[in-house]
Amino acid sequence: MVKHNNMIPGEHFRKHWQSNVKTGFNQPGRKTRRRIARHIEVQNESKGWQGLQPFTLEELKAAGISKKVAPSIGIAVDHRRKNRSFQGLQANVQLLQTYKQQLVV
């Protein structure tokens, strides 16, 4: 706002207009990246091992893996999670045991 006998501001704010404009030029590349990621995820699930799935302390104990060793061999540990069903516990213990057998140290 101009007050009294000051100069009329003539600044223009068009210096970095590229950072303020959204373009969709990366859409085809993003589409391919998402498609490849979905394909890899389906392949990992078909192998029966979900590397990102955190296991409970009870599951680790049943599989014979200590909670301090688990992260070093690539097993995520979630101490807050609880097993709600016996079938789920048994399935995860079986998964851990097969992973432990396939593990090459």
N, C-alpha and C. Protein backbone atom coordinates (compact mmCIF):
# COMPACT_ATOMS: atom_id res chain seq x y z
N MET A 1 0.84 -1.18 0.00
CA MET A 1 0.00 0.00 0.00
C MET A 1 0.88 1.24 0.00
N VAL A 2 0.55 2.20 -0.83
CA VAL A 2 1.35 3.41 -0.98
C VAL A 2 0.87 4.45 0.03
N LYS A 3 1.84 5.01 0.76
CA LYS A 3 1.51 6.07 1.72
C LYS A 3 2.37 7.29 1.42
N HIS A 4 1.78 8.42 1.49
CA HIS A 4 2.44 9.72 1.37
C HIS A 4 3.14 9.86 0.02
N ASN A 5 4.37 10.35 0.01
CA ASN A 5 5.04 10.68 -1.23
C ASN A 5 6.08 9.62 -1.62
N ASN A 6 5.79 8.38 -1.32
CA ASN A 6 6.76 7.32 -1.62
C ASN A 6 6.63 6.86 -3.07
N MET A 7 7.61 6.07 -3.48
CA MET A 7 7.63 5.56 -4.82
C MET A 7 6.56 4.47 -4.98
N ILE A 8 5.93 4.40 -6.14
CA ILE A 8 4.94 3.35 -6.42
C ILE A 8 5.70 2.05 -6.63
N PRO A 9 5.36 1.01 -5.87
CA PRO A 9 6.10 -0.25 -6.02
C PRO A 9 5.87 -0.86 -7.39
N GLY A 10 6.94 -1.24 -8.04
CA GLY A 10 6.83 -1.82 -9.37
C GLY A 10 7.47 -3.19 -9.46
N GLU A 11 7.56 -3.89 -8.32
CA GLU A 11 8.19 -5.20 -8.36
C GLU A 11 7.34 -6.16 -9.17
N HIS A 12 8.00 -7.06 -9.80
CA HIS A 12 7.27 -8.14 -10.47
C HIS A 12 7.74 -9.45 -9.85
N PHE A 13 6.80 -10.35 -9.64
CA PHE A 13 7.08 -11.61 -8.95
C PHE A 13 7.04 -12.76 -9.95
N ARG A 14 7.77 -12.60 -11.05
CA ARG A 14 7.77 -13.64 -12.06
C ARG A 14 9.15 -14.27 -12.19
N LYS A 15 9.96 -14.15 -11.16
CA LYS A 15 11.34 -14.59 -11.27
C LYS A 15 11.46 -16.11 -11.33
N HIS A 16 10.71 -16.82 -10.47
CA HIS A 16 10.82 -18.27 -10.41
C HIS A 16 9.46 -18.89 -10.66
N TRP A 17 8.89 -18.60 -11.79
CA TRP A 17 7.54 -19.07 -12.07
C TRP A 17 7.48 -20.57 -12.26
N GLN A 18 8.62 -21.20 -12.64
CA GLN A 18 8.61 -22.64 -12.88
C GLN A 18 8.31 -23.43 -11.61
N SER A 19 8.72 -22.91 -10.46
CA SER A 19 8.49 -23.63 -9.20
C SER A 19 7.04 -23.52 -8.75
N ASN A 20 6.29 -22.58 -9.29
CA ASN A 20 4.90 -22.40 -8.88
C ASN A 20 3.91 -23.07 -9.82
N VAL A 21 4.39 -23.62 -10.94
CA VAL A 21 3.51 -24.20 -11.93
C VAL A 21 3.58 -25.71 -11.84
N LYS A 22 2.43 -26.37 -11.77
CA LYS A 22 2.38 -27.83 -11.75
C LYS A 22 2.13 -28.32 -13.17
N THR A 23 3.00 -29.21 -13.63
CA THR A 23 2.80 -29.79 -14.95
C THR A 23 2.66 -31.30 -14.79
N GLY A 24 2.08 -31.93 -15.74
CA GLY A 24 1.89 -33.38 -15.69
C GLY A 24 2.83 -34.12 -16.60
N PHE A 25 4.01 -33.54 -16.84
CA PHE A 25 4.94 -34.15 -17.79
C PHE A 25 5.54 -35.46 -17.27
N ASN A 26 5.52 -35.64 -15.92
CA ASN A 26 6.12 -36.86 -15.36
C ASN A 26 5.09 -37.98 -15.21
N GLN A 27 3.88 -37.77 -15.72
CA GLN A 27 2.82 -38.77 -15.54
C GLN A 27 3.14 -40.11 -16.21
N PRO A 28 3.64 -40.16 -17.44
CA PRO A 28 3.93 -41.46 -18.04
C PRO A 28 5.01 -42.23 -17.29
N GLY A 29 6.04 -41.53 -16.83
CA GLY A 29 7.10 -42.19 -16.07
C GLY A 29 6.60 -42.71 -14.74
N ARG A 30 5.76 -41.94 -14.07
CA ARG A 30 5.20 -42.35 -12.79
C ARG A 30 4.30 -43.58 -12.95
N LYS A 31 3.57 -43.59 -14.08
CA LYS A 31 2.69 -44.73 -14.37
C LYS A 31 3.50 -46.01 -14.52
N THR A 32 4.62 -45.92 -15.24
CA THR A 32 5.47 -47.10 -15.42
C THR A 32 6.09 -47.55 -14.11
N ARG A 33 6.53 -46.58 -13.29
CA ARG A 33 7.14 -46.91 -12.01
C ARG A 33 6.15 -47.62 -11.10
N ARG A 34 4.90 -47.14 -11.08
CA ARG A 34 3.87 -47.78 -10.25
C ARG A 34 3.57 -49.20 -10.74
N ARG A 35 3.52 -49.37 -12.06
CA ARG A 35 3.22 -50.68 -12.63
C ARG A 35 4.31 -51.68 -12.28
N ILE A 36 5.57 -51.27 -12.39
CA ILE A 36 6.68 -52.15 -12.06
C ILE A 36 6.69 -52.48 -10.57
N ALA A 37 6.38 -51.50 -9.72
CA ALA A 37 6.35 -51.73 -8.27
C ALA A 37 5.24 -52.72 -7.91
N ARG A 38 4.09 -52.62 -8.59
CA ARG A 38 2.99 -53.58 -8.34
C ARG A 38 3.41 -54.98 -8.75
N HIS A 39 4.10 -55.08 -9.88
CA HIS A 39 4.54 -56.38 -10.38
C HIS A 39 5.53 -57.03 -9.40
N ILE A 40 6.47 -56.26 -8.88
CA ILE A 40 7.45 -56.77 -7.92
C ILE A 40 6.77 -57.19 -6.63
N GLU A 41 5.79 -56.42 -6.18
CA GLU A 41 5.06 -56.74 -4.96
C GLU A 41 4.31 -58.06 -5.10
N VAL A 42 3.68 -58.27 -6.24
CA VAL A 42 2.95 -59.52 -6.47
C VAL A 42 3.92 -60.70 -6.50
N GLN A 43 5.09 -60.53 -7.09
CA GLN A 43 6.09 -61.59 -7.11
C GLN A 43 6.55 -61.94 -5.70
N ASN A 44 6.79 -60.92 -4.86
CA ASN A 44 7.23 -61.18 -3.49
C ASN A 44 6.16 -61.89 -2.68
N GLU A 45 4.89 -61.53 -2.89
CA GLU A 45 3.81 -62.18 -2.15
C GLU A 45 3.64 -63.63 -2.60
N SER A 46 3.91 -63.90 -3.87
CA SER A 46 3.74 -65.27 -4.34
C SER A 46 4.82 -66.19 -3.79
N LYS A 47 5.96 -65.63 -3.39
CA LYS A 47 7.02 -66.43 -2.79
C LYS A 47 6.68 -66.83 -1.36
N GLY A 48 5.73 -66.14 -0.75
CA GLY A 48 5.33 -66.49 0.61
C GLY A 48 6.09 -65.75 1.68
N TRP A 49 6.93 -64.82 1.33
CA TRP A 49 7.69 -64.06 2.32
C TRP A 49 7.47 -62.58 2.10
N GLN A 50 6.91 -61.93 3.11
CA GLN A 50 6.73 -60.49 3.06
C GLN A 50 7.83 -59.87 3.90
N GLY A 51 8.83 -59.29 3.28
CA GLY A 51 9.97 -58.76 3.99
C GLY A 51 9.65 -57.59 4.89
N LEU A 52 8.57 -56.88 4.62
CA LEU A 52 8.25 -55.71 5.42
C LEU A 52 7.30 -56.01 6.57
N GLN A 53 6.86 -57.23 6.69
CA GLN A 53 5.89 -57.57 7.73
C GLN A 53 6.59 -57.66 9.08
N PRO A 54 6.17 -56.87 10.07
CA PRO A 54 6.78 -56.98 11.40
C PRO A 54 6.16 -58.14 12.18
N PHE A 55 6.99 -58.83 12.93
CA PHE A 55 6.54 -59.97 13.70
C PHE A 55 6.51 -59.63 15.18
N THR A 56 5.64 -60.31 15.94
CA THR A 56 5.54 -60.07 17.37
C THR A 56 6.65 -60.83 18.10
N LEU A 57 6.85 -60.45 19.35
CA LEU A 57 7.86 -61.12 20.16
C LEU A 57 7.49 -62.57 20.42
N GLU A 58 6.18 -62.83 20.54
CA GLU A 58 5.70 -64.20 20.76
C GLU A 58 6.01 -65.09 19.55
N GLU A 59 5.82 -64.55 18.35
CA GLU A 59 6.12 -65.32 17.14
C GLU A 59 7.61 -65.62 17.02
N LEU A 60 8.43 -64.62 17.36
CA LEU A 60 9.87 -64.83 17.30
C LEU A 60 10.31 -65.89 18.30
N LYS A 61 9.73 -65.84 19.51
CA LYS A 61 10.08 -66.81 20.55
C LYS A 61 9.69 -68.22 20.13
N ALA A 62 8.50 -68.36 19.51
CA ALA A 62 8.05 -69.68 19.07
C ALA A 62 8.92 -70.22 17.93
N ALA A 63 9.47 -69.32 17.13
CA ALA A 63 10.32 -69.74 16.01
C ALA A 63 11.77 -69.95 16.45
N GLY A 64 12.09 -69.56 17.69
CA GLY A 64 13.44 -69.76 18.20
C GLY A 64 14.42 -68.70 17.75
N ILE A 65 13.93 -67.47 17.57
CA ILE A 65 14.79 -66.36 17.16
C ILE A 65 14.74 -65.30 18.25
N SER A 66 15.89 -64.81 18.68
CA SER A 66 15.89 -63.80 19.74
C SER A 66 15.54 -62.43 19.14
N LYS A 67 15.01 -61.56 19.99
CA LYS A 67 14.55 -60.26 19.48
C LYS A 67 15.71 -59.34 19.10
N LYS A 68 16.91 -59.60 19.60
CA LYS A 68 18.07 -58.78 19.24
C LYS A 68 18.72 -59.27 17.95
N VAL A 69 18.58 -60.55 17.65
CA VAL A 69 19.17 -61.11 16.44
C VAL A 69 18.28 -60.85 15.23
N ALA A 70 16.97 -60.77 15.46
CA ALA A 70 16.00 -60.65 14.35
C ALA A 70 16.30 -59.49 13.40
N PRO A 71 16.52 -58.24 13.88
CA PRO A 71 16.79 -57.16 12.92
C PRO A 71 18.08 -57.37 12.13
N SER A 72 19.05 -58.07 12.70
CA SER A 72 20.31 -58.25 11.99
C SER A 72 20.19 -59.24 10.83
N ILE A 73 19.16 -60.09 10.86
CA ILE A 73 18.98 -61.04 9.74
C ILE A 73 17.81 -60.63 8.84
N GLY A 74 17.32 -59.41 9.02
CA GLY A 74 16.31 -58.87 8.10
C GLY A 74 14.88 -59.11 8.49
N ILE A 75 14.62 -59.34 9.78
CA ILE A 75 13.25 -59.56 10.25
C ILE A 75 12.82 -58.34 11.07
N ALA A 76 11.71 -57.75 10.70
CA ALA A 76 11.20 -56.59 11.42
C ALA A 76 10.46 -57.06 12.67
N VAL A 77 10.65 -56.34 13.79
CA VAL A 77 10.04 -56.70 15.06
C VAL A 77 9.11 -55.57 15.49
N ASP A 78 7.88 -55.93 15.86
CA ASP A 78 6.92 -54.95 16.37
C ASP A 78 6.48 -55.40 17.76
N HIS A 79 6.99 -54.70 18.79
CA HIS A 79 6.69 -55.11 20.16
C HIS A 79 5.29 -54.69 20.59
N ARG A 80 4.63 -53.82 19.82
CA ARG A 80 3.29 -53.36 20.20
C ARG A 80 2.19 -54.27 19.67
N ARG A 81 2.48 -55.03 18.60
CA ARG A 81 1.47 -55.86 17.98
C ARG A 81 1.16 -57.08 18.83
N LYS A 82 -0.10 -57.53 18.81
CA LYS A 82 -0.50 -58.72 19.55
C LYS A 82 -1.15 -59.71 18.61
N ASN A 83 -0.97 -60.98 18.92
CA ASN A 83 -1.60 -62.02 18.11
C ASN A 83 -3.04 -62.19 18.57
N ARG A 84 -3.97 -62.09 17.64
CA ARG A 84 -5.37 -62.20 17.99
C ARG A 84 -5.92 -63.61 17.74
N SER A 85 -5.22 -64.37 16.92
CA SER A 85 -5.70 -65.73 16.64
C SER A 85 -4.53 -66.71 16.65
N PHE A 86 -4.83 -67.92 17.04
CA PHE A 86 -3.81 -68.95 17.10
C PHE A 86 -3.36 -69.35 15.70
N GLN A 87 -4.30 -69.34 14.74
CA GLN A 87 -3.95 -69.71 13.37
C GLN A 87 -2.95 -68.71 12.76
N GLY A 88 -3.19 -67.43 13.04
CA GLY A 88 -2.27 -66.40 12.53
C GLY A 88 -0.89 -66.54 13.14
N LEU A 89 -0.84 -66.86 14.44
CA LEU A 89 0.43 -67.07 15.11
C LEU A 89 1.18 -68.24 14.50
N GLN A 90 0.47 -69.34 14.28
CA GLN A 90 1.10 -70.54 13.70
C GLN A 90 1.59 -70.27 12.28
N ALA A 91 0.81 -69.54 11.51
CA ALA A 91 1.20 -69.23 10.12
C ALA A 91 2.47 -68.39 10.10
N ASN A 92 2.54 -67.39 10.98
CA ASN A 92 3.72 -66.53 11.02
C ASN A 92 4.95 -67.27 11.54
N VAL A 93 4.75 -68.16 12.51
CA VAL A 93 5.86 -68.96 13.03
C VAL A 93 6.39 -69.87 11.92
N GLN A 94 5.49 -70.46 11.15
CA GLN A 94 5.91 -71.32 10.02
C GLN A 94 6.68 -70.50 8.99
N LEU A 95 6.21 -69.29 8.73
CA LEU A 95 6.88 -68.40 7.79
C LEU A 95 8.28 -68.06 8.27
N LEU A 96 8.42 -67.78 9.56
CA LEU A 96 9.73 -67.47 10.13
C LEU A 96 10.66 -68.67 10.08
N GLN A 97 10.14 -69.85 10.33
CA GLN A 97 10.97 -71.04 10.30
C GLN A 97 11.48 -71.34 8.89
N THR A 98 10.61 -71.18 7.90
CA THR A 98 11.07 -71.40 6.51
C THR A 98 12.09 -70.35 6.11
N TYR A 99 11.90 -69.12 6.57
CA TYR A 99 12.86 -68.05 6.27
C TYR A 99 14.20 -68.37 6.92
N LYS A 100 14.16 -68.88 8.16
CA LYS A 100 15.37 -69.21 8.88
C LYS A 100 16.13 -70.36 8.19
N GLN A 101 15.41 -71.32 7.64
CA GLN A 101 16.05 -72.43 6.94
C GLN A 101 16.70 -71.97 5.62
N GLN A 102 16.05 -71.02 4.94
CA GLN A 102 16.58 -70.54 3.66
C GLN A 102 17.69 -69.52 3.83
N LEU A 103 17.86 -69.02 5.06
CA LEU A 103 18.82 -67.95 5.31
C LEU A 103 20.25 -68.48 5.18
N VAL A 104 21.08 -67.75 4.47
CA VAL A 104 22.48 -68.11 4.32
C VAL A 104 23.30 -67.07 5.08
N VAL A 105 23.97 -67.53 6.12
CA VAL A 105 24.74 -66.59 6.96
C VAL A 105 26.21 -66.68 6.62
